[in-house]
Amino acid sequence: MKTFEKNSILYDYCDGENIWFEPEAIYHKFGFADGDLLSDLYWDWLSDNGIPHSDRRDVHKILYNVVRKWVIPPEINLEFEITPHNPVRNRDEPVDYLPEEVLVSLSLIYEEFRSAHE
């Protein structure tokens, strides 16, 4: 089980096995922890796997892929924005059927990290 320090972004979003995503974050500039929801986990994963930080991938693109695959239904339009904030956006009128939260297994997120490095 993965644990995080109190100063980590994931401290409030991870139970050690899953990360909580708030789907409505696609409508907000500062959603998904201002776009940094996966950053600490990704840096740890790089170190744990002996991958130099200089070989890092765009964690915002990884966040987009995770949200697209496991958080937001496929019928909802998502855009990837190059921004220092939340890169996963929807400019359409908000829908009222998104769940309050979606749990995504850390194993799925680690698989996305691996895919980014293939």
Protein backbone atom coordinates (compact mmCIF):
# COMPACT_ATOMS: atom_id res chain seq x y z
CA MET A 1 0.00 0.00 0.00
CA LYS A 2 1.37 3.42 -1.03
CA THR A 3 1.41 6.22 1.55
CA PHE A 4 2.03 9.93 1.07
CA GLU A 5 3.33 12.72 3.25
CA LYS A 6 0.90 15.43 4.36
CA ASN A 7 2.58 17.93 2.03
CA SER A 8 1.94 15.67 -0.98
CA ILE A 9 -0.86 16.52 -3.38
CA LEU A 10 -2.05 12.93 -3.14
CA TYR A 11 -2.38 12.93 0.66
CA ASP A 12 -6.08 13.85 0.36
CA TYR A 13 -6.77 11.91 -2.87
CA CYS A 14 -5.25 8.47 -2.33
CA ASP A 15 -6.11 5.63 0.03
CA GLY A 16 -2.93 3.72 -0.83
CA GLU A 17 -4.59 1.58 -3.50
CA ASN A 18 -6.77 4.04 -5.44
CA ILE A 19 -6.85 7.70 -6.37
CA TRP A 20 -10.10 9.64 -6.09
CA PHE A 21 -10.90 11.71 -9.16
CA GLU A 22 -13.65 14.32 -9.20
CA PRO A 23 -15.08 14.17 -12.75
CA GLU A 24 -16.50 17.71 -12.59
CA ALA A 25 -12.90 18.95 -12.48
CA ILE A 26 -13.01 18.94 -16.30
CA TYR A 27 -15.01 22.17 -16.04
CA HIS A 28 -12.53 24.00 -13.80
CA LYS A 29 -9.19 25.72 -14.40
CA PHE A 30 -7.82 24.44 -11.09
CA GLY A 31 -9.36 20.95 -11.35
CA PHE A 32 -7.43 17.74 -10.68
CA ALA A 33 -5.28 19.60 -8.10
CA ASP A 34 -4.49 22.31 -10.64
CA GLY A 35 -3.44 19.59 -13.09
CA ASP A 36 -0.84 18.16 -10.71
CA LEU A 37 -2.86 15.29 -9.25
CA LEU A 38 -0.47 12.61 -10.56
CA SER A 39 2.80 14.57 -10.30
CA ASP A 40 4.11 13.27 -6.95
CA LEU A 41 3.13 9.71 -7.81
CA TYR A 42 4.86 9.96 -11.19
CA TRP A 43 8.11 11.33 -9.73
CA ASP A 44 8.11 8.51 -7.16
CA TRP A 45 7.43 5.97 -9.91
CA LEU A 46 10.36 7.29 -11.97
CA SER A 47 12.69 6.94 -8.97
CA ASP A 48 11.33 3.51 -7.98
CA ASN A 49 11.93 2.24 -11.53
CA GLY A 50 15.41 3.71 -11.95
CA ILE A 51 14.30 6.08 -14.69
CA PRO A 52 16.26 9.35 -14.70
CA HIS A 53 14.09 12.39 -14.11
CA SER A 54 15.61 13.83 -17.27
CA ASP A 55 13.72 11.10 -19.18
CA ARG A 56 10.34 12.15 -17.79
CA ARG A 57 7.24 12.43 -19.94
CA ASP A 58 4.55 15.10 -19.83
CA VAL A 59 2.58 14.20 -16.70
CA HIS A 60 -0.28 16.41 -17.94
CA LYS A 61 -0.68 14.14 -20.98
CA ILE A 62 -0.63 11.13 -18.69
CA LEU A 63 -3.34 12.76 -16.54
CA TYR A 64 -5.40 13.39 -19.67
CA ASN A 65 -5.09 9.72 -20.72
CA VAL A 66 -6.11 8.46 -17.27
CA VAL A 67 -9.13 10.77 -17.13
CA ARG A 68 -10.17 9.85 -20.68
CA LYS A 69 -9.87 6.10 -20.08
CA TRP A 70 -11.22 5.67 -16.56
CA VAL A 71 -12.93 8.81 -15.24
CA ILE A 72 -15.09 10.46 -17.91
CA PRO A 73 -17.64 8.63 -20.08
CA PRO A 74 -16.60 8.45 -23.75
CA GLU A 75 -19.54 10.53 -24.97
CA ILE A 76 -18.20 13.61 -23.17
CA ASN A 77 -15.84 15.75 -25.20
CA LEU A 78 -12.43 16.29 -23.62
CA GLU A 79 -9.70 18.63 -24.77
CA PHE A 80 -6.03 18.62 -23.87
CA GLU A 81 -4.75 22.13 -23.19
CA ILE A 82 -1.13 23.13 -22.83
CA THR A 83 -1.32 25.12 -19.62
CA PRO A 84 0.33 25.27 -16.21
CA HIS A 85 -3.11 24.50 -14.74
CA ASN A 86 -5.61 21.71 -15.34
CA PRO A 87 -4.96 20.42 -18.89
CA VAL A 88 -8.09 18.25 -19.09
CA ARG A 89 -11.04 20.40 -20.08
CA ASN A 90 -14.54 20.35 -21.45
CA ARG A 91 -15.92 23.61 -22.84
CA ASP A 92 -19.45 22.28 -23.36
CA GLU A 93 -22.38 22.87 -21.07
CA PRO A 94 -21.86 20.78 -17.89
CA VAL A 95 -23.80 17.53 -17.72
CA ASP A 96 -25.65 16.54 -14.58
CA TYR A 97 -24.96 12.80 -14.61
CA LEU A 98 -21.27 12.68 -13.66
CA PRO A 99 -20.59 10.91 -10.37
CA GLU A 100 -19.13 12.95 -7.50
CA GLU A 101 -16.01 10.84 -7.53
CA VAL A 102 -14.40 7.96 -9.38
CA LEU A 103 -11.79 5.65 -7.89
CA VAL A 104 -8.96 4.60 -10.19
CA SER A 105 -6.61 1.84 -9.09
CA LEU A 106 -2.95 2.75 -8.71
CA SER A 107 -2.13 -0.31 -10.82
CA LEU A 108 -3.99 1.25 -13.78
CA ILE A 109 -2.18 4.54 -13.28
CA TYR A 110 1.19 2.78 -13.08
CA GLU A 111 0.33 1.02 -16.34
CA GLU A 112 -0.27 4.42 -17.92
CA PHE A 113 3.14 5.57 -16.66
CA ARG A 114 4.74 2.46 -18.22
CA SER A 115 2.93 3.06 -21.51
CA ALA A 116 4.25 6.60 -21.65
CA HIS A 117 7.79 5.23 -21.49
CA GLU A 118 7.46 2.56 -24.19
